Amino acid sequence: MKPRTTEAPRKPVHRNTKRTGELSEAAFLLKAETLGFHLAKPWGDSERYDFILDTGSRLWRVQLKCTEVLRARGYDVQAIYSIYGKGKVGYTADDIDLLVAYIVPLKVWYILPIEAFSPSKSLRLYPDIVTKNPRWEKYREAWHLLEPNQESRKV
């Protein structure tokens, strides 16, 4: 057998949305732990939140949403979940404390307290262009909102 001198380039992997979500959860776990936070994952898929984030002074219910598709120069995140018989419902403060949006191709995080976006069900994020109304940009990489004594702070 002749040794291979050059390898053919790998074809791009086209993941399904479930796999992209799983990989984004792993990225969130790594990012949060690297920043000094601790995480717990609820058993099963029955809760409205994906993680419990422990800051040392507070526990936050975190729903993670990810996107990798660029539409109209922005990335859409749907702040909704499904209820059998009722359809799509927007998150409220009874469901979660934070929505964390991850823009996969850019590796950009948005940390959105529920008060910042509820009752909106759809968010469009523009992490790589200047817009007239940069509504969500103040939440880009806003990990400081999770620090002690910051939960009531307005951005």
Protein backbone atom coordinates (compact mmCIF):
# COMPACT_ATOMS: atom_id res chain seq x y z
CA MET A 1 0.00 0.00 0.00
CA LYS A 2 1.37 3.33 -1.07
CA PRO A 3 1.39 6.11 1.58
CA ARG A 4 -0.85 9.03 0.86
CA THR A 5 1.12 12.22 0.19
CA THR A 6 -1.78 14.64 -0.06
CA GLU A 7 -5.28 14.39 1.27
CA ALA A 8 -8.31 15.47 -0.67
CA PRO A 9 -10.14 18.39 0.94
CA ARG A 10 -13.15 17.36 2.98
CA LYS A 11 -16.58 18.18 1.67
CA PRO A 12 -18.55 20.69 3.77
CA VAL A 13 -20.76 19.06 6.35
CA HIS A 14 -24.45 19.92 6.05
CA ARG A 15 -25.85 19.33 9.50
CA ASN A 16 -29.49 19.05 10.34
CA THR A 17 -30.99 21.57 12.77
CA LYS A 18 -31.07 19.08 15.64
CA ARG A 19 -27.33 18.46 15.31
CA THR A 20 -26.62 22.19 15.02
CA GLY A 21 -28.57 22.74 18.24
CA GLU A 22 -26.62 20.01 20.03
CA LEU A 23 -23.29 21.47 18.91
CA SER A 24 -24.43 24.95 19.99
CA GLU A 25 -25.31 23.59 23.43
CA ALA A 26 -21.80 22.17 23.69
CA ALA A 27 -20.35 25.55 22.62
CA PHE A 28 -22.47 27.33 25.24
CA LEU A 29 -21.33 24.93 27.93
CA LEU A 30 -17.69 25.59 27.04
CA LYS A 31 -18.16 29.38 26.77
CA ALA A 32 -20.03 29.74 30.08
CA GLU A 33 -17.65 27.50 32.03
CA THR A 34 -14.65 29.33 30.54
CA LEU A 35 -16.15 32.60 31.81
CA GLY A 36 -16.43 31.14 35.32
CA PHE A 37 -20.12 30.28 35.36
CA HIS A 38 -21.44 26.83 36.21
CA LEU A 39 -24.20 25.01 34.37
CA ALA A 40 -26.78 22.36 35.01
CA LYS A 41 -28.82 20.66 32.31
CA PRO A 42 -32.40 19.64 33.12
CA TRP A 43 -33.23 15.98 32.61
CA GLY A 44 -35.12 15.42 29.36
CA ASP A 45 -36.64 17.98 27.01
CA SER A 46 -39.76 18.92 28.99
CA GLU A 47 -38.63 22.24 30.46
CA ARG A 48 -38.88 25.53 28.58
CA TYR A 49 -35.21 26.21 29.32
CA ASP A 50 -32.11 24.36 28.16
CA PHE A 51 -29.74 25.19 31.03
CA ILE A 52 -29.62 26.51 34.55
CA LEU A 53 -26.71 28.93 34.75
CA ASP A 54 -25.23 29.47 38.22
CA THR A 55 -23.45 32.80 38.72
CA GLY A 56 -22.73 32.17 42.39
CA SER A 57 -25.39 34.61 43.52
CA ARG A 58 -28.26 33.61 41.27
CA LEU A 59 -29.61 30.79 39.13
CA TRP A 60 -30.76 31.77 35.63
CA ARG A 61 -33.10 29.70 33.42
CA VAL A 62 -31.50 29.89 29.97
CA GLN A 63 -33.09 29.07 26.64
CA LEU A 64 -30.48 28.70 23.92
CA LYS A 65 -31.35 29.42 20.30
CA CYS A 66 -28.91 29.17 17.43
CA THR A 67 -28.96 30.12 13.81
CA GLU A 68 -26.59 29.78 10.89
CA VAL A 69 -28.73 31.02 8.01
CA LEU A 70 -28.29 34.57 6.75
CA ARG A 71 -31.55 36.17 5.50
CA ALA A 72 -31.94 39.77 4.35
CA ARG A 73 -28.48 40.54 5.79
CA GLY A 74 -29.52 39.35 9.26
CA TYR A 75 -29.89 36.20 11.32
CA ASP A 76 -33.37 35.26 12.54
CA VAL A 77 -33.98 33.79 15.98
CA GLN A 78 -37.43 32.54 16.89
CA ALA A 79 -38.22 33.19 20.56
CA ILE A 80 -41.01 30.62 20.56
CA TYR A 81 -41.84 27.06 21.53
CA SER A 82 -44.69 24.72 20.61
CA ILE A 83 -47.58 23.61 22.76
CA TYR A 84 -49.69 20.74 21.52
CA GLY A 85 -53.07 22.09 20.47
CA LYS A 86 -52.04 25.75 20.83
CA GLY A 87 -49.25 26.04 18.29
CA LYS A 88 -46.33 28.46 18.65
CA VAL A 89 -46.12 30.48 21.87
CA GLY A 90 -43.66 33.22 22.86
CA TYR A 91 -41.49 32.90 25.97
CA THR A 92 -42.46 34.81 29.11
CA ALA A 93 -40.81 35.44 32.48
CA ASP A 94 -42.69 32.39 33.78
CA ASP A 95 -40.72 30.24 31.30
CA ILE A 96 -37.16 31.61 31.18
CA ASP A 97 -34.91 34.37 32.52
CA LEU A 98 -32.58 34.65 29.52
CA LEU A 99 -32.58 33.91 25.84
CA VAL A 100 -29.06 33.24 24.60
CA ALA A 101 -28.79 33.50 20.82
CA TYR A 102 -25.75 32.01 19.10
CA ILE A 103 -24.81 32.99 15.55
CA VAL A 104 -22.99 29.82 14.54
CA PRO A 105 -20.87 30.94 11.55
CA LEU A 106 -19.63 34.05 13.35
CA LYS A 107 -19.32 32.50 16.82
CA VAL A 108 -21.20 35.50 18.26
CA TRP A 109 -23.38 35.38 21.40
CA TYR A 110 -26.32 37.56 22.38
CA ILE A 111 -27.42 37.53 26.04
CA LEU A 112 -31.03 38.76 26.14
CA PRO A 113 -32.92 39.10 29.42
CA ILE A 114 -36.59 38.17 29.00
CA GLU A 115 -37.62 41.79 29.67
CA ALA A 116 -35.58 42.94 26.67
CA PHE A 117 -37.48 41.01 24.01
CA SER A 118 -40.77 39.66 25.38
CA PRO A 119 -43.45 39.63 23.95
CA SER A 120 -41.55 39.56 20.62
CA LYS A 121 -41.55 36.13 19.01
CA SER A 122 -39.00 36.80 16.30
CA LEU A 123 -35.68 38.64 16.51
CA ARG A 124 -33.44 39.61 13.63
CA LEU A 125 -29.79 40.07 14.58
CA TYR A 126 -27.27 41.99 12.47
CA PRO A 127 -23.88 41.18 13.99
CA ASP A 128 -21.78 42.11 10.98
CA ILE A 129 -23.45 45.22 9.52
CA VAL A 130 -24.35 48.68 10.79
CA THR A 131 -28.10 49.26 10.98
CA LYS A 132 -30.30 52.30 11.61
CA ASN A 133 -31.86 50.63 14.64
CA PRO A 134 -29.27 48.38 16.32
CA ARG A 135 -31.93 47.17 18.76
CA TRP A 136 -30.21 43.99 19.89
CA GLU A 137 -26.55 44.95 19.53
CA LYS A 138 -26.28 46.15 23.12
CA TYR A 139 -26.83 42.52 24.12
CA ARG A 140 -24.02 41.16 21.95
CA GLU A 141 -21.53 39.37 24.22
CA ALA A 142 -23.35 40.96 27.21
CA TRP A 143 -22.07 38.34 29.66
CA HIS A 144 -21.65 41.14 32.21
CA LEU A 145 -25.43 41.07 32.72
CA LEU A 146 -24.96 37.78 34.57
CA GLU A 147 -22.50 39.13 37.10
CA PRO A 148 -23.64 39.64 40.70
CA ASN A 149 -25.73 42.78 41.22
CA GLN A 150 -26.21 43.17 37.47
CA GLU A 151 -29.50 41.31 37.01
CA SER A 152 -31.55 44.43 37.66
CA ARG A 153 -29.26 46.66 35.61
CA LYS A 154 -30.75 48.10 32.44
CA VAL A 155 -28.59 48.00 29.34
